[in-house]
C-alpha cells in the first residue's frame, strides 16, 4: 500500500459535466463572494451574481460574509429586480451551506445547485467574471477606492461582447446597445429611433440567436484513459494537492467509497463521525 501511495501516476480527468441552459433569462443564476477586500466605506466583500442565459451581472457590496447578510443582499439586489430564479448555483461556502440559505431556497422554490469542492471550473461562468472584475478594478489609478469605481466597471463588463454569445449582456437584456460615456461626447448626426414593434422584434432576434453556449474547452478528453476498476472500487486513494513535505506520498488513504456518480465519488474520511467528502 505504501508503494501505491507514493507512486506518481498521470491524473486523468473525465469529460466535464455542463449545466444545461434552460428557461431563458433569469432562470439560472450563479452566485459567489469576492473578498475580503481592502475596507471601503465599511464594505469588505462583494456578492457577485450572473444570469447564465444573458451573462448579465450584478454586484452587491456587503460588510461581511454571514449568511444573513448574503441572503438579504441577494433578495435586495437580484430578487427584487429580476424575480425568483428556477435554480441558484453556488460553491460550498459556509454561507451557502447554512440552514438559513437552504431555507431561503425552499421558500423561494429555487433549486439549490452546489459545485464540488476544490473545483473552481464547476462554477466557471462566475470565475471568469471575477477575473475580469478584478483586472478592471486593479487597473484603476487608485485601486483601493474600488467602491467608487465599481459602477462604471460593471458598465464596461455589461457592454463587452461575449465571444461565445456574439452579443453583449446589455444587448440581450434590452434588445439594443446602451449609450456609453464616449457616446455622450461624440453624438451621431442621425440618431436611431425604434418604436415598440421594432424593439420587440430585435429583442426576439437576439434571444433566438443565443443558444446554450457551453464552455469551449480544448481538452482532448476522448483520449484520456480512466481505469474501469473505479466503477466498482470499494476503496480509493485520494491525491493530496496541498504543499507537501519532502518524501511525503502524493496520495493518502485508502478510504471507503460511500457513493459514486459518473463524475464524483463521496468517500468516508477517518471514522464514521467524520462527515463524508466529495471528490
Protein backbone atom coordinates (compact mmCIF):
# COMPACT_ATOMS: atom_id res chain seq x y z
CA UNK A 1 0.00 0.00 0.00
CA UNK A 2 2.89 2.37 0.75
CA UNK A 3 4.13 1.81 -2.79
CA UNK A 4 0.75 2.72 -4.26
CA UNK A 5 0.52 5.90 -2.16
CA UNK A 6 3.97 7.02 -3.33
CA UNK A 7 3.51 6.18 -7.00
CA UNK A 8 3.01 9.26 -9.13
CA UNK A 9 0.53 8.47 -11.87
CA UNK A 10 -0.97 10.67 -14.52
CA UNK A 11 -4.09 12.25 -13.05
CA UNK A 12 -6.78 11.82 -15.69
CA UNK A 13 -9.98 13.84 -15.79
CA UNK A 14 -13.29 12.66 -17.14
CA UNK A 15 -15.21 14.87 -19.52
CA UNK A 16 -16.53 17.87 -17.54
CA UNK A 17 -20.25 17.98 -16.89
CA UNK A 18 -22.06 21.08 -18.13
CA UNK A 19 -25.09 22.85 -16.73
CA UNK A 20 -27.69 22.96 -19.46
CA UNK A 21 -29.04 26.44 -20.20
CA UNK A 22 -32.82 26.27 -19.96
CA UNK A 23 -35.67 28.57 -19.13
CA UNK A 24 -34.40 31.78 -20.73
CA UNK A 25 -33.46 34.97 -18.92
CA UNK A 26 -33.16 34.92 -15.13
CA UNK A 27 -33.96 31.21 -14.87
CA UNK A 28 -30.46 30.24 -13.73
CA UNK A 29 -28.29 32.50 -11.59
CA UNK A 30 -24.75 31.85 -10.33
CA UNK A 31 -23.58 33.38 -7.04
CA UNK A 32 -20.22 33.74 -5.33
CA UNK A 33 -18.27 36.01 -2.99
CA UNK A 34 -15.17 38.12 -3.64
CA UNK A 35 -13.10 39.16 -0.64
CA UNK A 36 -12.14 40.11 1.90
CA UNK A 37 -11.09 43.31 0.15
CA UNK A 38 -9.50 46.46 1.49
CA UNK A 39 -12.31 48.07 3.54
CA UNK A 40 -14.06 50.81 1.60
CA UNK A 41 -16.90 52.70 3.28
CA UNK A 42 -17.37 49.72 5.58
CA UNK A 43 -17.71 47.25 2.69
CA UNK A 44 -15.32 44.30 2.64
CA UNK A 45 -16.96 41.69 0.37
CA UNK A 46 -18.72 41.60 -2.99
CA UNK A 47 -21.68 39.30 -3.58
CA UNK A 48 -21.50 38.59 -7.31
CA UNK A 49 -24.45 37.33 -9.37
CA UNK A 50 -24.51 36.24 -13.02
CA UNK A 51 -27.51 35.27 -15.16
CA UNK A 52 -26.44 32.19 -17.09
CA UNK A 53 -28.50 32.96 -20.20
CA UNK A 54 -27.54 36.59 -20.87
CA UNK A 55 -24.37 36.83 -18.71
CA UNK A 56 -25.92 39.90 -17.07
CA UNK A 57 -24.01 40.67 -13.87
CA UNK A 58 -24.94 42.30 -10.59
CA UNK A 59 -22.66 43.04 -7.65
CA UNK A 60 -23.71 43.88 -4.09
CA UNK A 61 -21.00 45.33 -1.79
CA UNK A 62 -21.52 43.95 1.73
CA UNK A 63 -19.81 44.43 5.08
CA UNK A 64 -19.42 40.73 5.99
CA UNK A 65 -19.94 37.26 4.56
CA UNK A 66 -22.52 35.98 7.04
CA UNK A 67 -25.49 34.03 5.72
CA UNK A 68 -27.92 36.72 6.89
CA UNK A 69 -26.04 39.46 5.02
CA UNK A 70 -25.65 37.41 1.85
CA UNK A 71 -29.32 36.38 1.84
CA UNK A 72 -30.52 39.96 2.29
CA UNK A 73 -28.21 41.24 -0.45
CA UNK A 74 -29.44 38.55 -2.86
CA UNK A 75 -33.07 39.48 -2.22
CA UNK A 76 -32.48 43.24 -2.42
CA UNK A 77 -30.23 43.16 -5.48
CA UNK A 78 -31.49 40.25 -7.59
CA UNK A 79 -34.90 39.00 -6.49
CA UNK A 80 -36.39 42.50 -6.25
CA UNK A 81 -35.34 43.32 -9.84
CA UNK A 82 -35.50 40.07 -11.79
CA UNK A 83 -37.77 37.79 -9.80
CA UNK A 84 -37.17 34.29 -8.47
CA UNK A 85 -34.82 32.05 -10.50
CA UNK A 86 -35.50 28.40 -11.15
CA UNK A 87 -32.05 27.42 -9.86
CA UNK A 88 -29.21 29.03 -7.93
CA UNK A 89 -25.65 27.72 -8.32
CA UNK A 90 -23.06 28.38 -5.59
CA UNK A 91 -19.91 26.87 -4.17
CA UNK A 92 -19.70 25.16 -0.78
CA UNK A 93 -19.04 28.33 1.21
CA UNK A 94 -20.45 28.27 4.77
CA UNK A 95 -22.98 30.99 3.97
CA UNK A 96 -24.40 28.93 1.10
CA UNK A 97 -24.43 25.71 3.13
CA UNK A 98 -26.13 27.34 6.12
CA UNK A 99 -29.61 26.43 7.32
CA UNK A 100 -30.75 29.99 6.57
CA UNK A 101 -29.70 29.81 2.91
CA UNK A 102 -31.27 26.38 2.42
CA UNK A 103 -34.50 27.66 3.99
CA UNK A 104 -34.43 30.69 1.68
CA UNK A 105 -34.11 28.46 -1.39
CA UNK A 106 -37.03 26.32 -0.20
CA UNK A 107 -39.15 29.40 0.47
CA UNK A 108 -38.41 30.85 -2.97
CA UNK A 109 -38.92 27.50 -4.67
CA UNK A 110 -35.48 27.64 -6.32
CA UNK A 111 -33.36 24.54 -6.84
CA UNK A 112 -30.09 24.80 -4.91
CA UNK A 113 -27.14 23.60 -7.02
CA UNK A 114 -23.80 23.20 -5.25
CA UNK A 115 -20.49 22.77 -7.04
CA UNK A 116 -17.90 20.24 -5.95
CA UNK A 117 -15.18 21.30 -3.54
CA UNK A 118 -11.77 22.50 -4.80
CA UNK A 119 -13.04 22.77 -8.37
CA UNK A 120 -13.44 26.42 -9.48
CA UNK A 121 -14.20 25.30 -13.05
CA UNK A 122 -17.50 23.88 -11.83
CA UNK A 123 -18.71 27.48 -11.47
CA UNK A 124 -16.58 28.76 -14.33
CA UNK A 125 -19.10 31.29 -15.61
CA UNK A 126 -18.73 33.39 -12.46
CA UNK A 127 -15.00 32.72 -12.06
CA UNK A 128 -14.40 34.30 -15.48
CA UNK A 129 -16.45 37.30 -14.39
CA UNK A 130 -14.34 37.58 -11.23
CA UNK A 131 -11.15 37.59 -13.28
CA UNK A 132 -12.41 40.42 -15.48
CA UNK A 133 -13.78 42.34 -12.48
CA UNK A 134 -10.52 42.16 -10.53
CA UNK A 135 -8.44 43.11 -13.57
CA UNK A 136 -10.60 46.18 -14.17
CA UNK A 137 -10.60 47.34 -10.56
CA UNK A 138 -6.83 46.87 -10.17
CA UNK A 139 -6.21 48.84 -13.36
CA UNK A 140 -7.74 51.98 -11.82
CA UNK A 141 -5.39 54.80 -10.70
CA UNK A 142 -6.48 54.26 -7.08
CA UNK A 143 -7.45 50.57 -6.84
CA UNK A 144 -8.15 50.80 -3.11
CA UNK A 145 -11.09 53.11 -3.87
CA UNK A 146 -12.81 50.17 -5.55
CA UNK A 147 -16.31 51.03 -4.35
CA UNK A 148 -16.32 54.30 -6.31
CA UNK A 149 -15.04 52.58 -9.47
CA UNK A 150 -17.39 49.61 -9.31
CA UNK A 151 -20.42 51.05 -11.20
CA UNK A 152 -18.50 52.04 -14.34
CA UNK A 153 -16.52 48.80 -14.19
CA UNK A 154 -19.81 46.90 -14.34
CA UNK A 155 -20.94 49.09 -17.24
CA UNK A 156 -17.81 48.09 -19.15
CA UNK A 157 -18.37 44.38 -18.47
CA UNK A 158 -22.06 44.50 -19.37
CA UNK A 159 -21.39 46.17 -22.71
CA UNK A 160 -18.44 43.97 -23.74
CA UNK A 161 -19.14 41.45 -26.49
CA UNK A 162 -19.18 37.87 -25.19
CA UNK A 163 -17.24 35.63 -27.59
CA UNK A 164 -19.42 32.58 -27.02
CA UNK A 165 -22.65 34.56 -27.48
CA UNK A 166 -21.73 37.11 -30.12
CA UNK A 167 -23.57 39.84 -28.20
CA UNK A 168 -23.08 41.86 -25.07
CA UNK A 169 -25.10 41.21 -21.94
CA UNK A 170 -26.74 44.61 -22.36
CA UNK A 171 -27.96 43.75 -25.87
CA UNK A 172 -29.50 40.51 -24.65
CA UNK A 173 -31.14 42.33 -21.76
CA UNK A 174 -32.56 45.32 -23.62
CA UNK A 175 -32.55 44.33 -27.29
CA UNK A 176 -30.25 47.19 -28.21
CA UNK A 177 -26.91 48.67 -27.25
CA UNK A 178 -26.79 51.13 -24.38
CA UNK A 179 -25.17 54.54 -24.54
CA UNK A 180 -21.63 54.66 -23.20
CA UNK A 181 -19.89 57.74 -21.75
CA UNK A 182 -17.99 58.29 -25.02
CA UNK A 183 -21.31 58.37 -26.89
CA UNK A 184 -22.35 61.38 -24.80
CA UNK A 185 -19.38 63.35 -26.16
CA UNK A 186 -19.39 62.16 -29.79
CA UNK A 187 -23.05 62.20 -30.80
CA UNK A 188 -24.21 60.74 -34.08
CA UNK A 189 -25.78 63.15 -36.55
CA UNK A 190 -28.53 60.64 -37.33
CA UNK A 191 -29.95 59.30 -34.06
CA UNK A 192 -31.72 55.96 -34.30
CA UNK A 193 -35.35 55.80 -33.17
CA UNK A 194 -37.01 52.46 -32.55
CA UNK A 195 -40.72 52.10 -32.00
CA UNK A 196 -42.05 49.39 -29.69
CA UNK A 197 -42.61 46.90 -32.52
CA UNK A 198 -39.03 47.25 -33.80
CA UNK A 199 -37.70 46.88 -30.27
CA UNK A 200 -39.62 43.65 -29.63
CA UNK A 201 -38.58 42.17 -32.98
CA UNK A 202 -34.95 43.00 -32.38
CA UNK A 203 -35.05 41.53 -28.89
CA UNK A 204 -36.64 38.32 -30.21
CA UNK A 205 -33.93 38.09 -32.86
CA UNK A 206 -31.21 38.38 -30.24
CA UNK A 207 -32.77 35.74 -27.99
CA UNK A 208 -33.33 33.30 -30.87
CA UNK A 209 -29.69 33.57 -31.89
CA UNK A 210 -28.45 32.74 -28.42
CA UNK A 211 -28.09 29.01 -27.91
CA UNK A 212 -26.99 27.15 -24.82
CA UNK A 213 -23.39 28.25 -25.11
CA UNK A 214 -21.15 25.92 -23.15
CA UNK A 215 -17.54 26.35 -22.21
CA UNK A 216 -15.22 25.86 -25.19
CA UNK A 217 -12.59 23.76 -23.52
CA UNK A 218 -9.91 22.30 -25.75
CA UNK A 219 -9.03 19.29 -23.59
CA UNK A 220 -8.98 16.03 -25.53
CA UNK A 221 -11.00 14.06 -23.01
CA UNK A 222 -11.72 11.34 -25.58
CA UNK A 223 -8.06 10.31 -25.46
CA UNK A 224 -7.85 10.09 -21.68
CA UNK A 225 -7.85 6.67 -20.08
CA UNK A 226 -9.99 6.20 -16.96
CA UNK A 227 -9.39 2.92 -15.16
CA UNK A 228 -12.64 0.89 -15.42
CA UNK A 229 -11.93 -0.58 -11.97
CA UNK A 230 -13.02 2.75 -10.47
CA UNK A 231 -16.63 1.96 -11.34
CA UNK A 232 -16.76 -0.89 -8.84
CA UNK A 233 -13.99 0.06 -6.39
CA UNK A 234 -14.95 -0.14 -2.71
CA UNK A 235 -11.92 1.87 -1.52
CA UNK A 236 -9.85 4.57 -3.24
CA UNK A 237 -6.74 6.66 -2.67
CA UNK A 238 -7.13 10.45 -2.59
CA UNK A 239 -4.49 12.76 -4.03
CA UNK A 240 -3.04 15.41 -1.71
CA UNK A 241 -2.99 18.72 -3.61
CA UNK A 242 -1.66 20.78 -0.68
CA UNK A 243 2.02 21.67 -0.38
CA UNK A 244 3.78 18.54 0.87
CA UNK A 245 6.97 17.98 2.82
CA UNK A 246 9.85 16.19 1.06
CA UNK A 247 9.31 12.45 0.63
CA UNK A 248 5.66 12.72 1.63
CA UNK A 249 3.50 10.47 -0.61
CA UNK A 250 1.19 12.29 -3.05
CA UNK A 251 -1.80 10.10 -2.14
CA UNK A 252 -3.41 9.15 1.16
CA UNK A 253 -5.93 6.51 2.10
CA UNK A 254 -7.40 4.13 1.17
CA UNK A 255 -10.88 5.42 2.04
CA UNK A 256 -14.22 3.71 1.77
CA UNK A 257 -16.48 4.75 -1.12
CA UNK A 258 -19.89 5.86 0.20
CA UNK A 259 -21.48 6.91 -3.09
CA UNK A 260 -20.45 7.48 -6.69
CA UNK A 261 -21.66 9.31 -9.80
CA UNK A 262 -20.18 9.30 -13.32
CA UNK A 263 -18.06 12.29 -12.25
CA UNK A 264 -17.51 12.24 -8.49
CA UNK A 265 -17.02 9.96 -5.50
CA UNK A 266 -18.13 10.51 -1.91
CA UNK A 267 -15.68 8.86 0.47
CA UNK A 268 -15.57 8.35 4.22
CA UNK A 269 -12.55 10.04 5.80
CA UNK A 270 -11.50 8.64 9.15
CA UNK A 271 -14.22 7.25 11.41
CA UNK A 272 -17.96 7.39 10.89
CA UNK A 273 -18.23 10.58 12.94
CA UNK A 274 -16.24 12.42 10.28
CA UNK A 275 -18.54 13.86 7.56
CA UNK A 276 -18.05 12.24 4.12
CA UNK A 277 -16.27 14.32 1.46
CA UNK A 278 -16.97 14.52 -2.26
CA UNK A 279 -14.21 14.38 -4.94
